[in-house]
Amino acid sequence: MDFIDIAKELHILGIGGISLSALAVILKEEGKVVTGYDREVSPITQALQEKGILVVNQFDEKLIDQADIVVYTSALPKDEPHLAYAIKKGKIILSRSELLGQLAKKYFTISIAGSHGKTTATSMIGYMFFLAGKDPTIHVGGIMKNFGSNVCVGKGKYFITEACEYKDSFLSLASDIGVVLNEDPDHLDYFKTKENYYKSFEKFAKNTKKGGILIVNYDDPFSRGLKSGNTLSYAIKSKADVQAKNICRKNGLLSFDLFYLDLNFGNFKLKMIGLHNIYNALATIAVGIACSIPLETIKTALLQFEGVDRRLEYIGLVKGAVVLHDYAHHPDEIIATIKAVKSNTNDRLICVFQPHTFSRTRDLYYEFCRCFACCDEVWLLPIYSAREKPIPKITSKFLAKGVSKYNKIVRYFSNFEKCYAFINKTAKTNTTFLIMGAGDIFNLAYRFKK
């Protein structure tokens, strides 16, 4: 029996995080007493309060004293006062990933892993199960537009979750169906080498339960080699079990013909733009086939899927210029997002980018320098540190020097205010501003919402 089964009350440190807040709601719906701490007051913490979950912004010993289990975000150091106090008190302590792993054991678990696209693919799969009447529980790292939330708590047997590789957290999950979207080395502050990164995904694949199904992208060279019992493949370019052919854009929709085991099962459509979303759709279709969801239901779900906040999100117009926002923070994500935008417009494209973490900027420096090559201008903001301390010489100004080798116009802004003012000053028709990053750059983007 896991700790979560016997616990009546839990206190969550970092409850305002996109994942832990969703887990808090699931626990609350299970009848647990849930409290939490977060240093920031945010729309997420306010929504938790409205659901009857007490959230404090200061150290409250009593909440830890009365909790059976203390859960913490991996962003906290061991000497963080709340965590140190819980250790001193001899409390049962679980990391976010350990809590997720224990919760998932109660369900038929579908875990979606990958360097990019996890949130969108998980949301798409979750919406398909919802539309199929399966009443799933869905846990994602973003706000699903179809639900207006990062969590959907159902009473059915299915648990559909995003599986993050950072610090090997996805290894806490034993999947009935495991999905691997792609593998592009990231989080090298933890994994150290690309080889370690790939090995971690191999372990995730092997965590698929006996008799379960592993679904992999055969167009991704590293994912293609993964094996674990029953395997179902999908691809666009390579021969695979599930394939998209005759891809085109018609009447504002992405369209493709679905082939399963070389048989044509008709035309499928998406509201979303970008080839990467065809891959997300194929992963969704593969999961649907594995769970015997009718193809007509899958087709309807893909067409009705509205996407996720901060994923190629249309913000509004400024003096006729289009403002878009995207979460992209890895070079491959940036390239995919830029390609998606350029396939949809002939506008002059200005990318406004906030690098995310010093270590990622250092480890993927040369990739970052090249990934904006298709843009007309690149504007850089200071690095968002997240959990890290500054690294000497690793700055956005240093990155700007490298980017300037591939782009004629590169600008640096020391803060959001200066960048906001310059967007307002230079905005004009036939221009698209693509504001990107995984940090707090959404605060800049959302200032342009109407």
Protein backbone atom coordinates (compact mmCIF):
# COMPACT_ATOMS: atom_id res chain seq x y z
CA MET A 1 0.00 0.00 0.00
CA ASP A 2 1.33 3.44 -0.95
CA PHE A 3 1.51 6.36 1.47
CA ILE A 4 -1.10 8.24 -0.54
CA ASP A 5 -3.70 5.53 0.18
CA ILE A 6 -3.56 6.00 3.95
CA ALA A 7 -3.02 9.76 4.07
CA LYS A 8 -5.95 11.97 5.01
CA GLU A 9 -4.22 15.35 4.84
CA LEU A 10 -1.44 16.63 2.57
CA HIS A 11 0.52 19.87 2.52
CA ILE A 12 2.05 20.82 -0.84
CA LEU A 13 5.10 23.08 -1.15
CA GLY A 14 5.04 24.94 -4.45
CA ILE A 15 1.32 24.31 -4.93
CA GLY A 16 1.07 27.14 -7.47
CA GLY A 17 3.10 25.15 -9.98
CA ILE A 18 1.23 24.03 -13.09
CA SER A 19 1.60 20.32 -12.26
CA LEU A 20 1.27 20.34 -8.47
CA SER A 21 -1.83 22.53 -8.63
CA ALA A 22 -3.50 19.94 -10.86
CA LEU A 23 -2.49 17.11 -8.51
CA ALA A 24 -3.89 19.11 -5.59
CA VAL A 25 -7.28 19.29 -7.30
CA ILE A 26 -7.25 15.53 -7.98
CA LEU A 27 -6.45 14.82 -4.32
CA LYS A 28 -9.17 17.20 -3.18
CA GLU A 29 -11.71 15.43 -5.39
CA GLU A 30 -10.62 12.12 -3.83
CA GLY A 31 -11.70 13.46 -0.45
CA LYS A 32 -8.29 14.39 0.92
CA VAL A 33 -7.71 17.55 2.95
CA VAL A 34 -5.21 19.55 0.89
CA THR A 35 -3.32 22.68 1.90
CA GLY A 36 -0.35 24.32 0.26
CA TYR A 37 2.33 26.98 0.24
CA ASP A 38 3.48 29.14 -2.63
CA ARG A 39 5.44 32.37 -2.42
CA GLU A 40 3.43 33.91 -5.27
CA VAL A 41 -0.24 34.81 -5.42
CA SER A 42 -1.39 33.87 -8.92
CA PRO A 43 -4.55 33.01 -10.88
CA ILE A 44 -3.70 29.35 -10.19
CA THR A 45 -3.49 29.78 -6.39
CA GLN A 46 -6.65 31.87 -6.44
CA ALA A 47 -8.46 29.13 -8.36
CA LEU A 48 -7.28 26.58 -5.78
CA GLN A 49 -8.66 28.75 -2.97
CA GLU A 50 -12.02 28.86 -4.75
CA LYS A 51 -12.00 25.05 -4.80
CA GLY A 52 -11.60 24.96 -1.00
CA ILE A 53 -7.84 24.39 -0.92
CA LEU A 54 -6.10 26.62 1.62
CA VAL A 55 -3.00 28.27 0.12
CA VAL A 56 -0.65 30.36 2.28
CA ASN A 57 2.21 32.62 1.22
CA GLN A 58 4.11 32.55 4.51
CA PHE A 59 5.67 29.86 6.67
CA ASP A 60 2.91 28.15 8.66
CA GLU A 61 4.25 25.38 10.93
CA LYS A 62 0.77 24.20 11.89
CA LEU A 63 -0.08 23.14 8.34
CA ILE A 64 3.02 20.96 8.21
CA ASP A 65 2.40 19.61 11.74
CA GLN A 66 -1.09 18.39 10.92
CA ALA A 67 -0.24 16.95 7.48
CA ASP A 68 0.25 13.20 7.02
CA ILE A 69 2.38 13.81 3.92
CA VAL A 70 4.37 16.81 2.73
CA VAL A 71 4.82 17.07 -1.03
CA TYR A 72 7.45 19.31 -2.60
CA THR A 73 8.38 20.66 -6.00
CA SER A 74 11.79 19.66 -7.35
CA ALA A 75 12.62 23.36 -7.63
CA LEU A 76 13.05 23.52 -3.83
CA PRO A 77 16.49 22.94 -2.27
CA LYS A 78 16.66 20.55 0.69
CA ASP A 79 17.47 23.43 3.06
CA GLU A 80 14.35 25.39 2.11
CA PRO A 81 12.74 26.28 5.50
CA HIS A 82 9.42 24.45 4.96
CA LEU A 83 11.09 21.31 3.66
CA ALA A 84 13.77 21.41 6.34
CA TYR A 85 11.08 21.73 9.02
CA ALA A 86 9.13 18.79 7.58
CA ILE A 87 12.29 16.65 7.59
CA LYS A 88 13.02 17.68 11.17
CA LYS A 89 9.48 16.67 12.18
CA GLY A 90 9.92 13.26 10.58
CA LYS A 91 7.10 13.74 8.11
CA ILE A 92 6.51 11.43 5.16
CA ILE A 93 7.89 13.45 2.25
CA LEU A 94 7.13 12.87 -1.42
CA SER A 95 8.46 14.66 -4.47
CA ARG A 96 6.01 15.80 -7.13
CA SER A 97 6.94 12.85 -9.34
CA GLU A 98 6.55 10.35 -6.50
CA LEU A 99 3.07 11.69 -5.76
CA LEU A 100 2.16 11.49 -9.45
CA GLY A 101 3.44 7.91 -9.63
CA GLN A 102 1.39 6.83 -6.62
CA LEU A 103 -1.77 8.51 -7.90
CA ALA A 104 -1.37 6.94 -11.34
CA LYS A 105 -1.32 3.41 -9.92
CA LYS A 106 -5.04 3.66 -9.26
CA TYR A 107 -5.84 4.01 -12.96
CA PHE A 108 -5.24 2.71 -16.45
CA THR A 109 -2.37 5.13 -17.08
CA ILE A 110 -1.50 6.76 -20.39
CA SER A 111 1.77 8.70 -20.10
CA ILE A 112 2.97 11.08 -22.80
CA ALA A 113 6.71 11.81 -22.87
CA GLY A 114 8.95 13.74 -25.23
CA SER A 115 11.25 16.72 -25.44
CA HIS A 116 8.56 18.79 -27.18
CA GLY A 117 4.80 18.71 -27.57
CA LYS A 118 3.90 16.88 -24.35
CA THR A 119 1.33 19.38 -23.16
CA THR A 120 -0.46 19.69 -26.49
CA ALA A 121 -0.45 15.95 -27.21
CA THR A 122 -1.64 15.08 -23.68
CA SER A 123 -4.44 17.64 -23.92
CA MET A 124 -5.45 16.37 -27.36
CA ILE A 125 -5.52 12.76 -26.17
CA GLY A 126 -7.42 13.76 -23.03
CA TYR A 127 -10.07 15.63 -25.02
CA MET A 128 -10.50 12.59 -27.31
CA PHE A 129 -11.22 10.37 -24.28
CA PHE A 130 -13.58 13.00 -22.88
CA LEU A 131 -15.51 13.19 -26.15
CA ALA A 132 -15.62 9.38 -26.30
CA GLY A 133 -17.49 9.37 -22.98
CA LYS A 134 -14.64 7.71 -21.06
CA ASP A 135 -14.80 10.33 -18.25
CA PRO A 136 -10.98 10.49 -17.92
CA THR A 137 -8.78 12.23 -15.40
CA ILE A 138 -6.34 14.50 -17.26
CA HIS A 139 -3.19 16.08 -15.83
CA VAL A 140 -1.17 18.49 -17.99
CA GLY A 141 1.38 21.27 -17.72
CA GLY A 142 -0.74 23.95 -19.32
CA ILE A 143 -4.24 25.38 -19.52
CA MET A 144 -6.37 23.27 -21.88
CA LYS A 145 -8.64 25.62 -23.81
CA ASN A 146 -11.38 22.99 -24.17
CA PHE A 147 -11.57 22.73 -20.37
CA GLY A 148 -10.23 26.10 -19.24
CA SER A 149 -7.98 24.29 -16.78
CA ASN A 150 -4.79 22.26 -16.36
CA VAL A 151 -6.77 19.37 -14.90
CA CYS A 152 -9.95 17.44 -15.59
CA VAL A 153 -11.08 15.08 -12.84
CA GLY A 154 -13.25 12.23 -14.08
CA LYS A 155 -14.68 9.06 -12.59
CA GLY A 156 -13.56 6.72 -15.35
CA LYS A 157 -10.62 4.32 -15.27
CA TYR A 158 -8.28 6.36 -17.50
CA PHE A 159 -5.54 8.66 -16.20
CA ILE A 160 -3.90 10.69 -18.97
CA THR A 161 -0.77 12.51 -17.88
CA GLU A 162 2.12 14.50 -19.19
CA ALA A 163 5.37 12.71 -18.32
CA CYS A 164 8.27 15.11 -17.77
CA GLU A 165 11.82 13.80 -18.12
CA TYR A 166 13.51 16.47 -15.98
CA LYS A 167 15.38 14.84 -13.10
CA ASP A 168 14.04 11.48 -14.36
CA SER A 169 10.64 12.29 -12.87
CA PHE A 170 8.78 10.27 -15.53
CA LEU A 171 10.45 7.12 -14.24
CA SER A 172 7.99 7.20 -11.33
CA LEU A 173 5.26 6.25 -13.79
CA ALA A 174 4.38 2.70 -14.80
CA SER A 175 2.33 3.10 -17.97
CA ASP A 176 -0.36 0.93 -19.48
CA ILE A 177 0.25 2.97 -22.60
CA GLY A 178 3.46 4.94 -22.92
CA VAL A 179 3.90 7.51 -25.68
CA VAL A 180 7.25 8.94 -26.81
CA LEU A 181 6.87 11.94 -29.13
CA ASN A 182 10.54 12.78 -29.73
CA GLU A 183 13.95 12.97 -28.08
CA ASP A 184 16.03 16.14 -28.44
CA PRO A 185 18.56 16.44 -25.59
CA ASP A 186 17.54 19.03 -23.02
CA HIS A 187 18.00 19.65 -19.27
CA LEU A 188 21.71 18.93 -19.59
CA ASP A 189 22.22 20.64 -16.24
CA TYR A 190 20.83 17.39 -14.84
CA PHE A 191 21.58 14.73 -17.50
CA LYS A 192 25.11 16.05 -18.22
CA THR A 193 25.40 14.14 -21.54
CA LYS A 194 23.13 13.40 -24.49
CA GLU A 195 23.72 9.69 -23.92
CA ASN A 196 22.28 9.93 -20.40
CA TYR A 197 19.25 11.72 -21.82
CA TYR A 198 18.56 8.94 -24.32
CA LYS A 199 19.09 6.26 -21.68
CA SER A 200 16.45 7.88 -19.50
CA PHE A 201 13.89 7.55 -22.30
CA GLU A 202 14.89 3.91 -22.72
CA LYS A 203 14.07 3.39 -19.04
CA PHE A 204 10.74 5.16 -19.48
CA ALA A 205 9.89 2.85 -22.38
CA LYS A 206 10.76 -0.22 -20.33
CA ASN A 207 8.46 1.02 -17.55
CA THR A 208 5.50 0.18 -19.79
CA LYS A 209 3.56 -2.53 -17.98
CA LYS A 210 3.59 -6.13 -19.16
CA GLY A 211 0.90 -6.44 -21.81
CA GLY A 212 0.89 -2.65 -22.28
CA ILE A 213 1.60 -0.70 -25.45
CA LEU A 214 4.47 1.64 -26.31
CA ILE A 215 3.64 4.22 -28.99
CA VAL A 216 6.61 5.84 -30.73
CA ASN A 217 7.34 8.37 -33.45
CA TYR A 218 9.23 6.53 -36.20
CA ASP A 219 10.35 9.81 -37.81
CA ASP A 220 12.40 10.54 -34.69
CA PRO A 221 15.68 8.59 -35.02
CA PHE A 222 16.14 8.00 -31.29
CA SER A 223 12.54 7.21 -30.42
CA ARG A 224 12.41 4.72 -33.31
CA GLY A 225 14.83 2.41 -31.52
CA LEU A 226 12.75 2.11 -28.35
CA LYS A 227 11.25 -1.30 -27.61
CA SER A 228 8.91 -2.59 -24.93
CA GLY A 229 6.60 -5.51 -25.62
CA ASN A 230 3.80 -4.33 -27.92
CA THR A 231 4.83 -1.32 -30.02
CA LEU A 232 2.64 0.88 -32.20
CA SER A 233 4.41 3.34 -34.50
CA TYR A 234 3.38 6.55 -36.23
CA ALA A 235 5.11 8.78 -38.76
CA ILE A 236 4.78 11.14 -41.69
CA LYS A 237 7.97 10.37 -43.62
CA SER A 238 8.78 6.81 -42.50
CA LYS A 239 6.76 3.65 -42.97
CA ALA A 240 4.77 3.11 -39.78
CA ASP A 241 1.56 1.58 -38.45
CA VAL A 242 -0.16 4.98 -38.38
CA GLN A 243 0.75 7.47 -41.11
CA ALA A 244 -0.35 10.88 -42.37
CA LYS A 245 -0.24 11.40 -46.14
CA ASN A 246 -1.40 14.10 -48.55
CA ILE A 247 -0.94 16.85 -45.95
CA CYS A 248 -2.28 20.23 -47.01
CA ARG A 249 -3.91 23.39 -45.69
CA LYS A 250 -7.41 24.06 -46.92
CA ASN A 251 -10.00 26.59 -45.78
CA GLY A 252 -7.85 27.49 -42.78
CA LEU A 253 -7.52 23.88 -41.59
CA LEU A 254 -4.66 21.39 -41.66
CA SER A 255 -5.80 18.31 -43.54
CA PHE A 256 -4.30 14.84 -44.02
CA ASP A 257 -5.29 11.33 -45.06
CA LEU A 258 -4.94 8.72 -42.33
CA PHE A 259 -3.39 5.37 -43.21
CA TYR A 260 -3.46 2.55 -40.66
CA LEU A 261 -1.61 -0.63 -41.59
CA ASP A 262 -1.48 0.71 -45.18
CA LEU A 263 -5.26 1.12 -45.41
CA ASN A 264 -6.76 4.58 -46.04
CA PHE A 265 -9.19 5.53 -43.27
CA GLY A 266 -10.18 8.88 -44.69
CA ASN A 267 -9.40 12.54 -44.22
CA PHE A 268 -8.73 14.18 -40.83
CA LYS A 269 -8.58 17.90 -40.06
CA LEU A 270 -7.05 20.19 -37.42
CA LYS A 271 -7.69 23.84 -36.53
CA MET A 272 -4.06 24.16 -35.45
CA ILE A 273 -1.12 25.13 -37.65
CA GLY A 274 2.31 23.54 -37.98
CA LEU A 275 3.63 20.15 -39.01
CA HIS A 276 4.45 19.38 -35.36
CA ASN A 277 0.72 19.32 -34.65
CA ILE A 278 0.24 16.63 -37.31
CA TYR A 279 2.63 14.51 -35.21
CA ASN A 280 0.59 15.27 -32.08
CA ALA A 281 -2.54 14.23 -33.97
CA LEU A 282 -0.93 10.96 -35.10
CA ALA A 283 0.07 10.14 -31.52
CA THR A 284 -3.51 10.84 -30.47
CA ILE A 285 -4.90 8.61 -33.23
CA ALA A 286 -2.51 5.79 -32.25
CA VAL A 287 -3.68 5.96 -28.62
CA GLY A 288 -7.28 6.02 -29.80
CA ILE A 289 -6.76 2.93 -31.94
CA ALA A 290 -5.03 1.15 -29.04
CA CYS A 291 -8.06 1.86 -26.82
CA SER A 292 -10.67 1.03 -29.47
CA ILE A 293 -12.08 4.56 -29.71
CA PRO A 294 -14.19 4.91 -32.90
CA LEU A 295 -12.41 6.72 -35.72
CA GLU A 296 -15.31 9.14 -36.15
CA THR A 297 -14.93 10.18 -32.50
CA ILE A 298 -11.17 10.65 -32.99
CA LYS A 299 -11.82 12.71 -36.12
CA THR A 300 -14.32 14.94 -34.30
CA ALA A 301 -12.01 15.39 -31.31
CA LEU A 302 -9.11 16.54 -33.51
CA LEU A 303 -11.31 19.03 -35.34
CA GLN A 304 -12.80 20.43 -32.11
CA PHE A 305 -9.53 20.59 -30.19
CA GLU A 306 -8.79 24.23 -29.35
CA GLY A 307 -5.20 23.87 -28.17
CA VAL A 308 -3.40 25.03 -25.03
CA ASP A 309 -2.66 28.50 -23.68
CA ARG A 310 0.82 29.76 -24.61
CA ARG A 311 1.10 27.31 -27.52
CA LEU A 312 0.98 29.42 -30.70
CA GLU A 313 -1.63 31.54 -29.01
CA TYR A 314 -3.15 34.45 -30.92
CA ILE A 315 -2.97 37.50 -28.63
CA GLY A 316 -4.31 40.37 -30.73
CA LEU A 317 -3.46 43.28 -33.02
CA VAL A 318 -1.27 46.32 -32.41
CA LYS A 319 -1.59 48.99 -35.11
CA GLY A 320 -2.41 46.24 -37.57
CA ALA A 321 0.50 43.98 -36.51
CA VAL A 322 -0.33 40.46 -35.29
CA VAL A 323 0.93 39.41 -31.85
CA LEU A 324 1.40 35.68 -31.14
CA HIS A 325 2.75 33.95 -28.05
CA ASP A 326 4.39 30.55 -27.70
CA TYR A 327 6.05 28.56 -24.91
CA ALA A 328 8.97 27.46 -27.14
CA HIS A 329 12.27 27.55 -25.24
CA HIS A 330 14.39 24.83 -26.90
CA PRO A 331 15.99 25.45 -30.33
CA ASP A 332 14.02 22.65 -32.01
CA GLU A 333 10.76 24.00 -30.57
CA ILE A 334 11.64 27.50 -31.77
CA ILE A 335 12.37 26.25 -35.30
CA ALA A 336 9.08 24.30 -35.41
CA THR A 337 7.11 27.30 -34.17
CA ILE A 338 8.73 29.70 -36.63
CA LYS A 339 8.06 27.28 -39.51
CA ALA A 340 4.43 26.99 -38.43
CA VAL A 341 3.99 30.77 -38.40
CA LYS A 342 5.76 31.29 -41.73
CA SER A 343 3.59 28.61 -43.35
CA ASN A 344 0.56 30.67 -42.36
CA THR A 345 1.62 34.23 -43.26
CA ASN A 346 3.87 36.26 -45.52
CA ASP A 347 4.26 38.98 -42.88
CA ARG A 348 7.57 40.37 -41.79
CA LEU A 349 8.38 38.17 -38.76
CA ILE A 350 9.93 39.60 -35.60
CA CYS A 351 10.77 37.08 -32.88
CA VAL A 352 10.90 38.35 -29.31
CA PHE A 353 12.64 35.73 -27.16
CA GLN A 354 13.34 35.31 -23.46
CA PRO A 355 15.93 32.51 -22.95
CA HIS A 356 15.00 30.04 -20.21
CA THR A 357 17.78 29.13 -17.73
CA PHE A 358 21.48 29.86 -17.93
CA SER A 359 22.47 26.21 -18.29
CA ARG A 360 20.23 25.62 -21.32
CA THR A 361 21.54 28.79 -22.96
CA ARG A 362 25.12 27.60 -22.35
CA ASP A 363 24.61 23.95 -23.33
CA LEU A 364 22.66 24.70 -26.53
CA TYR A 365 24.33 28.01 -27.36
CA TYR A 366 25.23 27.24 -30.98
CA GLU A 367 21.78 25.76 -31.66
CA PHE A 368 20.17 28.92 -30.27
CA CYS A 369 22.38 31.09 -32.46
CA ARG A 370 21.12 29.37 -35.61
CA CYS A 371 17.47 28.67 -34.81
CA PHE A 372 16.17 32.18 -35.64
CA ALA A 373 17.69 32.27 -39.16
CA CYS A 374 14.27 32.47 -40.86
CA CYS A 375 13.22 35.58 -38.91
CA ASP A 376 13.46 39.12 -40.22
CA GLU A 377 14.43 40.43 -36.78
CA VAL A 378 15.33 38.87 -33.41
CA TRP A 379 14.77 40.72 -30.14
CA LEU A 380 16.25 39.27 -26.97
CA LEU A 381 15.36 39.82 -23.32
CA PRO A 382 17.39 38.89 -20.21
CA ILE A 383 17.63 35.19 -19.35
CA TYR A 384 14.89 33.87 -17.09
CA SER A 385 16.82 32.15 -14.31
CA ALA A 386 14.03 29.85 -12.99
CA ARG A 387 15.75 27.59 -10.46
CA GLU A 388 19.32 28.61 -11.34
CA LYS A 389 22.02 31.03 -10.30
CA PRO A 390 23.75 33.09 -13.00
CA ILE A 391 26.64 31.52 -14.91
CA PRO A 392 29.55 33.88 -15.66
CA LYS A 393 29.50 35.29 -19.22
CA ILE A 394 26.24 33.49 -20.12
CA THR A 395 23.89 36.38 -20.87
CA SER A 396 21.42 37.41 -23.54
CA LYS A 397 23.93 39.98 -24.78
CA PHE A 398 26.39 37.12 -25.33
CA LEU A 399 23.66 35.17 -27.14
CA ALA A 400 22.89 38.25 -29.27
CA LYS A 401 26.45 38.22 -30.63
CA GLY A 402 26.02 34.65 -31.81
CA VAL A 403 22.54 35.22 -33.25
CA SER A 404 23.83 38.23 -35.22
CA LYS A 405 25.95 35.86 -37.34
CA TYR A 406 22.73 34.44 -38.81
CA ASN A 407 20.36 37.42 -38.56
CA LYS A 408 20.96 40.96 -39.80
CA ILE A 409 18.86 42.71 -37.18
CA VAL A 410 19.27 41.64 -33.53
CA ARG A 411 18.16 43.86 -30.66
CA TYR A 412 18.56 43.52 -26.91
CA PHE A 413 16.13 44.96 -24.35
CA SER A 414 17.03 45.05 -20.68
CA ASN A 415 13.41 44.76 -19.52
CA PHE A 416 9.81 44.20 -20.64
CA GLU A 417 8.90 47.90 -20.45
CA LYS A 418 11.46 48.94 -23.06
CA CYS A 419 10.47 46.06 -25.33
CA TYR A 420 6.76 46.83 -24.93
CA ALA A 421 7.35 50.48 -25.82
CA PHE A 422 9.37 49.55 -28.92
CA ILE A 423 6.70 47.12 -30.14
CA ASN A 424 4.12 49.90 -29.83
CA LYS A 425 6.43 52.33 -31.60
CA THR A 426 7.36 50.08 -34.55
CA ALA A 427 4.18 48.00 -35.01
CA LYS A 428 2.52 48.21 -38.43
CA THR A 429 0.50 46.10 -40.81
CA ASN A 430 2.11 43.13 -42.57
CA THR A 431 4.17 42.42 -39.43
CA THR A 432 3.89 39.55 -36.97
CA PHE A 433 5.47 39.65 -33.51
CA LEU A 434 6.15 36.15 -32.20
CA ILE A 435 6.78 36.42 -28.44
CA MET A 436 8.45 33.23 -27.16
CA GLY A 437 9.75 31.70 -23.96
CA ALA A 438 8.87 29.49 -20.99
CA GLY A 439 9.54 32.09 -18.31
CA ASP A 440 7.44 35.10 -17.34
CA ILE A 441 7.45 36.58 -20.85
CA PHE A 442 3.71 35.87 -21.00
CA ASN A 443 3.40 39.03 -18.89
CA LEU A 444 4.74 40.96 -21.87
CA ALA A 445 2.61 39.09 -24.42
CA TYR A 446 -0.63 39.39 -22.47
CA ARG A 447 -0.29 43.17 -22.24
CA PHE A 448 -1.41 43.19 -25.86
CA LYS A 449 -4.59 41.16 -25.22
CA LYS A 450 -7.81 42.91 -26.18
